[in-house]
């Protein structure tokens, strides 16, 4: 999973996960006007968009973002 961040990281954050077969590019394009007011975090799941890793499962993707 590749995490894409745009906007000021000091501002409130919006996390957007793209739909199946999508990528963060679509999410970031829709929300581009908000980057002056928010920090937008849009991950590309494995094998989607800018990520080149193999997609194994949603459970494996979740392990990437869960902090113990």
PDB file of N, CA and C in Angstrom:
ATOM      1  N   UNK A   1       0.850  -1.162   0.000  1.00  0.00           N
ATOM      2  CA  UNK A   1       0.000   0.000   0.000  1.00  0.00           C
ATOM      3  C   UNK A   1       0.902   1.233   0.000  1.00  0.00           C
ATOM      4  N   UNK A   2       0.581   2.166  -0.860  1.00  0.00           N
ATOM      5  CA  UNK A   2       1.297   3.439  -0.893  1.00  0.00           C
ATOM      6  C   UNK A   2       0.354   4.510  -0.367  1.00  0.00           C
ATOM      7  N   UNK A   3       0.822   5.279   0.606  1.00  0.00           N
ATOM      8  CA  UNK A   3       0.009   6.326   1.210  1.00  0.00           C
ATOM      9  C   UNK A   3       0.339   7.652   0.531  1.00  0.00           C
ATOM     10  N   UNK A   4      -0.659   8.285  -0.076  1.00  0.00           N
ATOM     11  CA  UNK A   4      -0.490   9.580  -0.734  1.00  0.00           C
ATOM     12  C   UNK A   4      -1.094  10.652   0.158  1.00  0.00           C
ATOM     13  N   UNK A   5      -0.325  11.713   0.401  1.00  0.00           N
ATOM     14  CA  UNK A   5      -0.761  12.798   1.274  1.00  0.00           C
ATOM     15  C   UNK A   5      -0.636  14.107   0.515  1.00  0.00           C
ATOM     16  N   UNK A   6      -1.672  14.939   0.580  1.00  0.00           N
ATOM     17  CA  UNK A   6      -1.626  16.257  -0.040  1.00  0.00           C
ATOM     18  C   UNK A   6      -2.246  17.273   0.910  1.00  0.00           C
ATOM     19  N   UNK A   7      -1.788  18.493   0.814  1.00  0.00           N
ATOM     20  CA  UNK A   7      -2.265  19.533   1.720  1.00  0.00           C
ATOM     21  C   UNK A   7      -1.338  19.666   2.912  1.00  0.00           C
ATOM     22  N   UNK A   8      -1.690  20.549   3.806  1.00  0.00           N
ATOM     23  CA  UNK A   8      -0.895  20.848   4.988  1.00  0.00           C
ATOM     24  C   UNK A   8      -1.150  19.797   6.067  1.00  0.00           C
ATOM     25  N   UNK A   9      -0.114  19.088   6.475  1.00  0.00           N
ATOM     26  CA  UNK A   9      -0.273  18.016   7.460  1.00  0.00           C
ATOM     27  C   UNK A   9      -0.651  18.524   8.848  1.00  0.00           C
ATOM     28  N   UNK A  10      -0.599  19.837   9.066  1.00  0.00           N
ATOM     29  CA  UNK A  10      -1.000  20.423  10.344  1.00  0.00           C
ATOM     30  C   UNK A  10      -2.510  20.651  10.414  1.00  0.00           C
ATOM     31  N   UNK A  11      -3.194  20.591   9.285  1.00  0.00           N
ATOM     32  CA  UNK A  11      -4.636  20.834   9.229  1.00  0.00           C
ATOM     33  C   UNK A  11      -5.409  19.555   9.550  1.00  0.00           C
ATOM     34  N   UNK A  12      -6.722  19.657   9.799  1.00  0.00           N
ATOM     35  CA  UNK A  12      -7.528  18.447  10.018  1.00  0.00           C
ATOM     36  C   UNK A  12      -7.375  17.486   8.845  1.00  0.00           C
ATOM     37  N   UNK A  13      -7.446  16.215   9.143  1.00  0.00           N
ATOM     38  CA  UNK A  13      -7.195  15.189   8.136  1.00  0.00           C
ATOM     39  C   UNK A  13      -8.472  14.517   7.645  1.00  0.00           C
ATOM     40  N   UNK A  14      -8.455  14.215   6.349  1.00  0.00           N
ATOM     41  CA  UNK A  14      -9.504  13.430   5.719  1.00  0.00           C
ATOM     42  C   UNK A  14      -8.811  12.198   5.130  1.00  0.00           C
ATOM     43  N   UNK A  15      -9.296  11.010   5.478  1.00  0.00           N
ATOM     44  CA  UNK A  15      -8.758   9.775   4.911  1.00  0.00           C
ATOM     45  C   UNK A  15      -9.788   9.223   3.947  1.00  0.00           C
ATOM     46  N   UNK A  16      -9.377   9.028   2.701  1.00  0.00           N
ATOM     47  CA  UNK A  16     -10.283   8.522   1.662  1.00  0.00           C
ATOM     48  C   UNK A  16      -9.689   7.268   1.038  1.00  0.00           C
ATOM     49  N   UNK A  17     -10.457   6.204   1.069  1.00  0.00           N
ATOM     50  CA  UNK A  17     -10.030   4.949   0.454  1.00  0.00           C
ATOM     51  C   UNK A  17     -10.817   4.778  -0.835  1.00  0.00           C
ATOM     52  N   UNK A  18     -10.097   4.555  -1.920  1.00  0.00           N
ATOM     53  CA  UNK A  18     -10.753   4.424  -3.219  1.00  0.00           C
ATOM     54  C   UNK A  18     -11.580   3.145  -3.307  1.00  0.00           C
ATOM     55  N   UNK A  19     -12.570   3.146  -4.176  1.00  0.00           N
ATOM     56  CA  UNK A  19     -13.393   1.946  -4.356  1.00  0.00           C
ATOM     57  C   UNK A  19     -12.637   0.867  -5.126  1.00  0.00           C
ATOM     58  N   UNK A  20     -13.185  -0.319  -5.126  1.00  0.00           N
ATOM     59  CA  UNK A  20     -12.597  -1.432  -5.863  1.00  0.00           C
ATOM     60  C   UNK A  20     -12.324  -1.034  -7.305  1.00  0.00           C
ATOM     61  N   UNK A  21     -11.185  -1.410  -7.811  1.00  0.00           N
ATOM     62  CA  UNK A  21     -10.718  -1.126  -9.168  1.00  0.00           C
ATOM     63  C   UNK A  21     -10.380   0.351  -9.393  1.00  0.00           C
ATOM     64  N   UNK A  22     -10.419   1.155  -8.346  1.00  0.00           N
ATOM     65  CA  UNK A  22     -10.079   2.572  -8.457  1.00  0.00           C
ATOM     66  C   UNK A  22      -8.656   2.816  -7.993  1.00  0.00           C
ATOM     67  N   UNK A  23      -8.342   4.098  -7.786  1.00  0.00           N
ATOM     68  CA  UNK A  23      -7.038   4.480  -7.257  1.00  0.00           C
ATOM     69  C   UNK A  23      -7.172   5.805  -6.518  1.00  0.00           C
ATOM     70  N   UNK A  24      -6.127   6.172  -5.820  1.00  0.00           N
ATOM     71  CA  UNK A  24      -6.156   7.435  -5.080  1.00  0.00           C
ATOM     72  C   UNK A  24      -6.238   8.631  -6.018  1.00  0.00           C
ATOM     73  N   UNK A  25      -5.812   8.462  -7.261  1.00  0.00           N
ATOM     74  CA  UNK A  25      -5.858   9.562  -8.224  1.00  0.00           C
ATOM     75  C   UNK A  25      -7.254  10.138  -8.379  1.00  0.00           C
ATOM     76  N   UNK A  26      -8.252   9.289  -8.443  1.00  0.00           N
ATOM     77  CA  UNK A  26      -9.630   9.748  -8.573  1.00  0.00           C
ATOM     78  C   UNK A  26     -10.098  10.485  -7.342  1.00  0.00           C
ATOM     79  N   UNK A  27      -9.738   9.974  -6.170  1.00  0.00           N
ATOM     80  CA  UNK A  27     -10.126  10.599  -4.915  1.00  0.00           C
ATOM     81  C   UNK A  27      -9.448  11.959  -4.780  1.00  0.00           C
ATOM     82  N   UNK A  28      -8.147  12.001  -5.066  1.00  0.00           N
ATOM     83  CA  UNK A  28      -7.409  13.254  -4.931  1.00  0.00           C
ATOM     84  C   UNK A  28      -7.906  14.298  -5.917  1.00  0.00           C
ATOM     85  N   UNK A  29      -8.300  13.877  -7.108  1.00  0.00           N
ATOM     86  CA  UNK A  29      -8.819  14.820  -8.098  1.00  0.00           C
ATOM     87  C   UNK A  29     -10.137  15.443  -7.617  1.00  0.00           C
ATOM     88  N   UNK A  30     -11.003  14.631  -7.041  1.00  0.00           N
ATOM     89  CA  UNK A  30     -12.294  15.121  -6.551  1.00  0.00           C
ATOM     90  C   UNK A  30     -12.105  16.091  -5.382  1.00  0.00           C
ATOM     91  N   UNK A  31     -11.138  15.800  -4.510  1.00  0.00           N
ATOM     92  CA  UNK A  31     -10.958  16.587  -3.291  1.00  0.00           C
ATOM     93  C   UNK A  31      -9.875  17.662  -3.398  1.00  0.00           C
ATOM     94  N   UNK A  32      -9.329  17.889  -4.582  1.00  0.00           N
ATOM     95  CA  UNK A  32      -8.194  18.813  -4.735  1.00  0.00           C
ATOM     96  C   UNK A  32      -8.475  20.212  -4.200  1.00  0.00           C
ATOM     97  N   UNK A  33      -9.698  20.673  -4.290  1.00  0.00           N
ATOM     98  CA  UNK A  33     -10.027  22.018  -3.814  1.00  0.00           C
ATOM     99  C   UNK A  33     -10.043  22.115  -2.284  1.00  0.00           C
ATOM    100  N   UNK A  34     -10.040  20.986  -1.597  1.00  0.00           N
ATOM    101  CA  UNK A  34     -10.064  20.988  -0.137  1.00  0.00           C
ATOM    102  C   UNK A  34      -8.673  20.997   0.487  1.00  0.00           C
ATOM    103  N   UNK A  35      -7.616  20.834  -0.322  1.00  0.00           N
ATOM    104  CA  UNK A  35      -6.286  20.689   0.258  1.00  0.00           C
ATOM    105  C   UNK A  35      -5.785  21.955   0.953  1.00  0.00           C
ATOM    106  N   UNK A  36      -6.433  23.094   0.722  1.00  0.00           N
ATOM    107  CA  UNK A  36      -6.081  24.301   1.452  1.00  0.00           C
ATOM    108  C   UNK A  36      -6.675  24.342   2.845  1.00  0.00           C
ATOM    109  N   UNK A  37      -7.691  23.515   3.089  1.00  0.00           N
ATOM    110  CA  UNK A  37      -8.373  23.488   4.378  1.00  0.00           C
ATOM    111  C   UNK A  37      -8.131  22.198   5.159  1.00  0.00           C
ATOM    112  N   UNK A  38      -7.671  21.173   4.463  1.00  0.00           N
ATOM    113  CA  UNK A  38      -7.490  19.856   5.079  1.00  0.00           C
ATOM    114  C   UNK A  38      -6.213  19.206   4.568  1.00  0.00           C
ATOM    115  N   UNK A  39      -5.769  18.221   5.314  1.00  0.00           N
ATOM    116  CA  UNK A  39      -4.719  17.313   4.853  1.00  0.00           C
ATOM    117  C   UNK A  39      -5.453  16.078   4.346  1.00  0.00           C
ATOM    118  N   UNK A  40      -5.268  15.737   3.086  1.00  0.00           N
ATOM    119  CA  UNK A  40      -5.990  14.616   2.487  1.00  0.00           C
ATOM    120  C   UNK A  40      -5.045  13.423   2.376  1.00  0.00           C
ATOM    121  N   UNK A  41      -5.464  12.329   2.963  1.00  0.00           N
ATOM    122  CA  UNK A  41      -4.688  11.090   2.956  1.00  0.00           C
ATOM    123  C   UNK A  41      -5.460  10.087   2.104  1.00  0.00           C
ATOM    124  N   UNK A  42      -4.843   9.651   1.017  1.00  0.00           N
ATOM    125  CA  UNK A  42      -5.521   8.752   0.078  1.00  0.00           C
ATOM    126  C   UNK A  42      -4.582   7.609  -0.297  1.00  0.00           C
ATOM    127  N   UNK A  43      -4.708   6.476   0.362  1.00  0.00           N
ATOM    128  CA  UNK A  43      -3.833   5.353   0.038  1.00  0.00           C
ATOM    129  C   UNK A  43      -4.215   4.682  -1.282  1.00  0.00           C
ATOM    130  N   UNK A  44      -3.205   4.175  -1.957  1.00  0.00           N
ATOM    131  CA  UNK A  44      -3.426   3.271  -3.087  1.00  0.00           C
ATOM    132  C   UNK A  44      -3.213   1.872  -2.545  1.00  0.00           C
ATOM    133  N   UNK A  45      -4.253   1.043  -2.605  1.00  0.00           N
ATOM    134  CA  UNK A  45      -4.100  -0.335  -2.162  1.00  0.00           C
ATOM    135  C   UNK A  45      -3.140  -1.042  -3.109  1.00  0.00           C
ATOM    136  N   UNK A  46      -2.536  -2.109  -2.653  1.00  0.00           N
ATOM    137  CA  UNK A  46      -1.582  -2.857  -3.476  1.00  0.00           C
ATOM    138  C   UNK A  46      -2.185  -3.207  -4.832  1.00  0.00           C
ATOM    139  N   UNK A  47      -1.364  -3.048  -5.861  1.00  0.00           N
ATOM    140  CA  UNK A  47      -1.732  -3.332  -7.260  1.00  0.00           C
ATOM    141  C   UNK A  47      -2.753  -2.341  -7.815  1.00  0.00           C
ATOM    142  N   UNK A  48      -2.929  -1.205  -7.165  1.00  0.00           N
ATOM    143  CA  UNK A  48      -3.838  -0.162  -7.632  1.00  0.00           C
ATOM    144  C   UNK A  48      -3.060   1.147  -7.750  1.00  0.00           C
ATOM    145  N   UNK A  49      -3.387   1.952  -8.733  1.00  0.00           N
ATOM    146  CA  UNK A  49      -2.791   3.277  -8.871  1.00  0.00           C
ATOM    147  C   UNK A  49      -1.275   3.256  -8.871  1.00  0.00           C
ATOM    148  N   UNK A  50      -0.673   3.987  -7.947  1.00  0.00           N
ATOM    149  CA  UNK A  50       0.785   4.138  -7.907  1.00  0.00           C
ATOM    150  C   UNK A  50       1.503   3.011  -7.164  1.00  0.00           C
ATOM    151  N   UNK A  51       0.772   2.068  -6.576  1.00  0.00           N
ATOM    152  CA  UNK A  51       1.402   0.968  -5.848  1.00  0.00           C
ATOM    153  C   UNK A  51       1.659  -0.206  -6.775  1.00  0.00           C
ATOM    154  N   UNK A  52       2.851  -0.758  -6.718  1.00  0.00           N
ATOM    155  CA  UNK A  52       3.214  -1.854  -7.619  1.00  0.00           C
ATOM    156  C   UNK A  52       3.301  -3.214  -6.924  1.00  0.00           C
ATOM    157  N   UNK A  53       2.990  -3.256  -5.625  1.00  0.00           N
ATOM    158  CA  UNK A  53       3.011  -4.536  -4.906  1.00  0.00           C
ATOM    159  C   UNK A  53       1.841  -5.416  -5.350  1.00  0.00           C
ATOM    160  N   UNK A  54       1.944  -6.718  -5.098  1.00  0.00           N
ATOM    161  CA  UNK A  54       0.853  -7.640  -5.401  1.00  0.00           C
ATOM    162  C   UNK A  54      -0.239  -7.511  -4.354  1.00  0.00           C
ATOM    163  N   UNK A  55      -1.494  -7.526  -4.803  1.00  0.00           N
ATOM    164  CA  UNK A  55      -2.623  -7.522  -3.879  1.00  0.00           C
ATOM    165  C   UNK A  55      -2.849  -8.946  -3.402  1.00  0.00           C
ATOM    166  N   UNK A  56      -2.850  -9.132  -2.081  1.00  0.00           N
ATOM    167  CA  UNK A  56      -3.068 -10.469  -1.512  1.00  0.00           C
ATOM    168  C   UNK A  56      -4.482 -10.570  -0.949  1.00  0.00           C
ATOM    169  N   UNK A  57      -4.848  -9.644  -0.068  1.00  0.00           N
ATOM    170  CA  UNK A  57      -6.186  -9.649   0.519  1.00  0.00           C
ATOM    171  C   UNK A  57      -6.416  -8.325   1.245  1.00  0.00           C
ATOM    172  N   UNK A  58      -7.680  -8.040   1.513  1.00  0.00           N
ATOM    173  CA  UNK A  58      -8.015  -6.838   2.276  1.00  0.00           C
ATOM    174  C   UNK A  58      -7.431  -6.932   3.689  1.00  0.00           C
ATOM    175  N   UNK A  59      -7.389  -8.137   4.242  1.00  0.00           N
ATOM    176  CA  UNK A  59      -6.827  -8.331   5.579  1.00  0.00           C
ATOM    177  C   UNK A  59      -5.353  -7.940   5.605  1.00  0.00           C
ATOM    178  N   UNK A  60      -4.610  -8.313   4.589  1.00  0.00           N
ATOM    179  CA  UNK A  60      -3.200  -7.942   4.504  1.00  0.00           C
ATOM    180  C   UNK A  60      -3.039  -6.434   4.322  1.00  0.00           C
ATOM    181  N   UNK A  61      -3.915  -5.826   3.547  1.00  0.00           N
ATOM    182  CA  UNK A  61      -3.865  -4.366   3.364  1.00  0.00           C
ATOM    183  C   UNK A  61      -4.109  -3.667   4.692  1.00  0.00           C
ATOM    184  N   UNK A  62      -5.049  -4.159   5.483  1.00  0.00           N
ATOM    185  CA  UNK A  62      -5.368  -3.554   6.774  1.00  0.00           C
ATOM    186  C   UNK A  62      -4.166  -3.588   7.713  1.00  0.00           C
ATOM    187  N   UNK A  63      -3.361  -4.623   7.618  1.00  0.00           N
ATOM    188  CA  UNK A  63      -2.171  -4.714   8.483  1.00  0.00           C
ATOM    189  C   UNK A  63      -1.218  -3.552   8.223  1.00  0.00           C
ATOM    190  N   UNK A  64      -1.246  -2.991   7.039  1.00  0.00           N
ATOM    191  CA  UNK A  64      -0.372  -1.884   6.694  1.00  0.00           C
ATOM    192  C   UNK A  64      -0.720  -0.628   7.486  1.00  0.00           C
ATOM    193  N   UNK A  65      -1.977  -0.431   7.793  1.00  0.00           N
ATOM    194  CA  UNK A  65      -2.409   0.816   8.430  1.00  0.00           C
ATOM    195  C   UNK A  65      -2.741   0.670   9.917  1.00  0.00           C
ATOM    196  N   UNK A  66      -2.754  -0.531  10.425  1.00  0.00           N
ATOM    197  CA  UNK A  66      -3.046  -0.741  11.848  1.00  0.00           C
ATOM    198  C   UNK A  66      -1.767  -0.599  12.651  1.00  0.00           C
ATOM    199  N   UNK A  67      -1.826   0.248  13.665  1.00  0.00           N
ATOM    200  CA  UNK A  67      -0.680   0.449  14.540  1.00  0.00           C
ATOM    201  C   UNK A  67      -0.973  -0.223  15.868  1.00  0.00           C
ATOM    202  N   UNK A  68      -0.100  -1.129  16.263  1.00  0.00           N
ATOM    203  CA  UNK A  68      -0.282  -1.832  17.547  1.00  0.00           C
ATOM    204  C   UNK A  68       0.093  -0.959  18.708  1.00  0.00           C
TER     205      UNK A  68
END
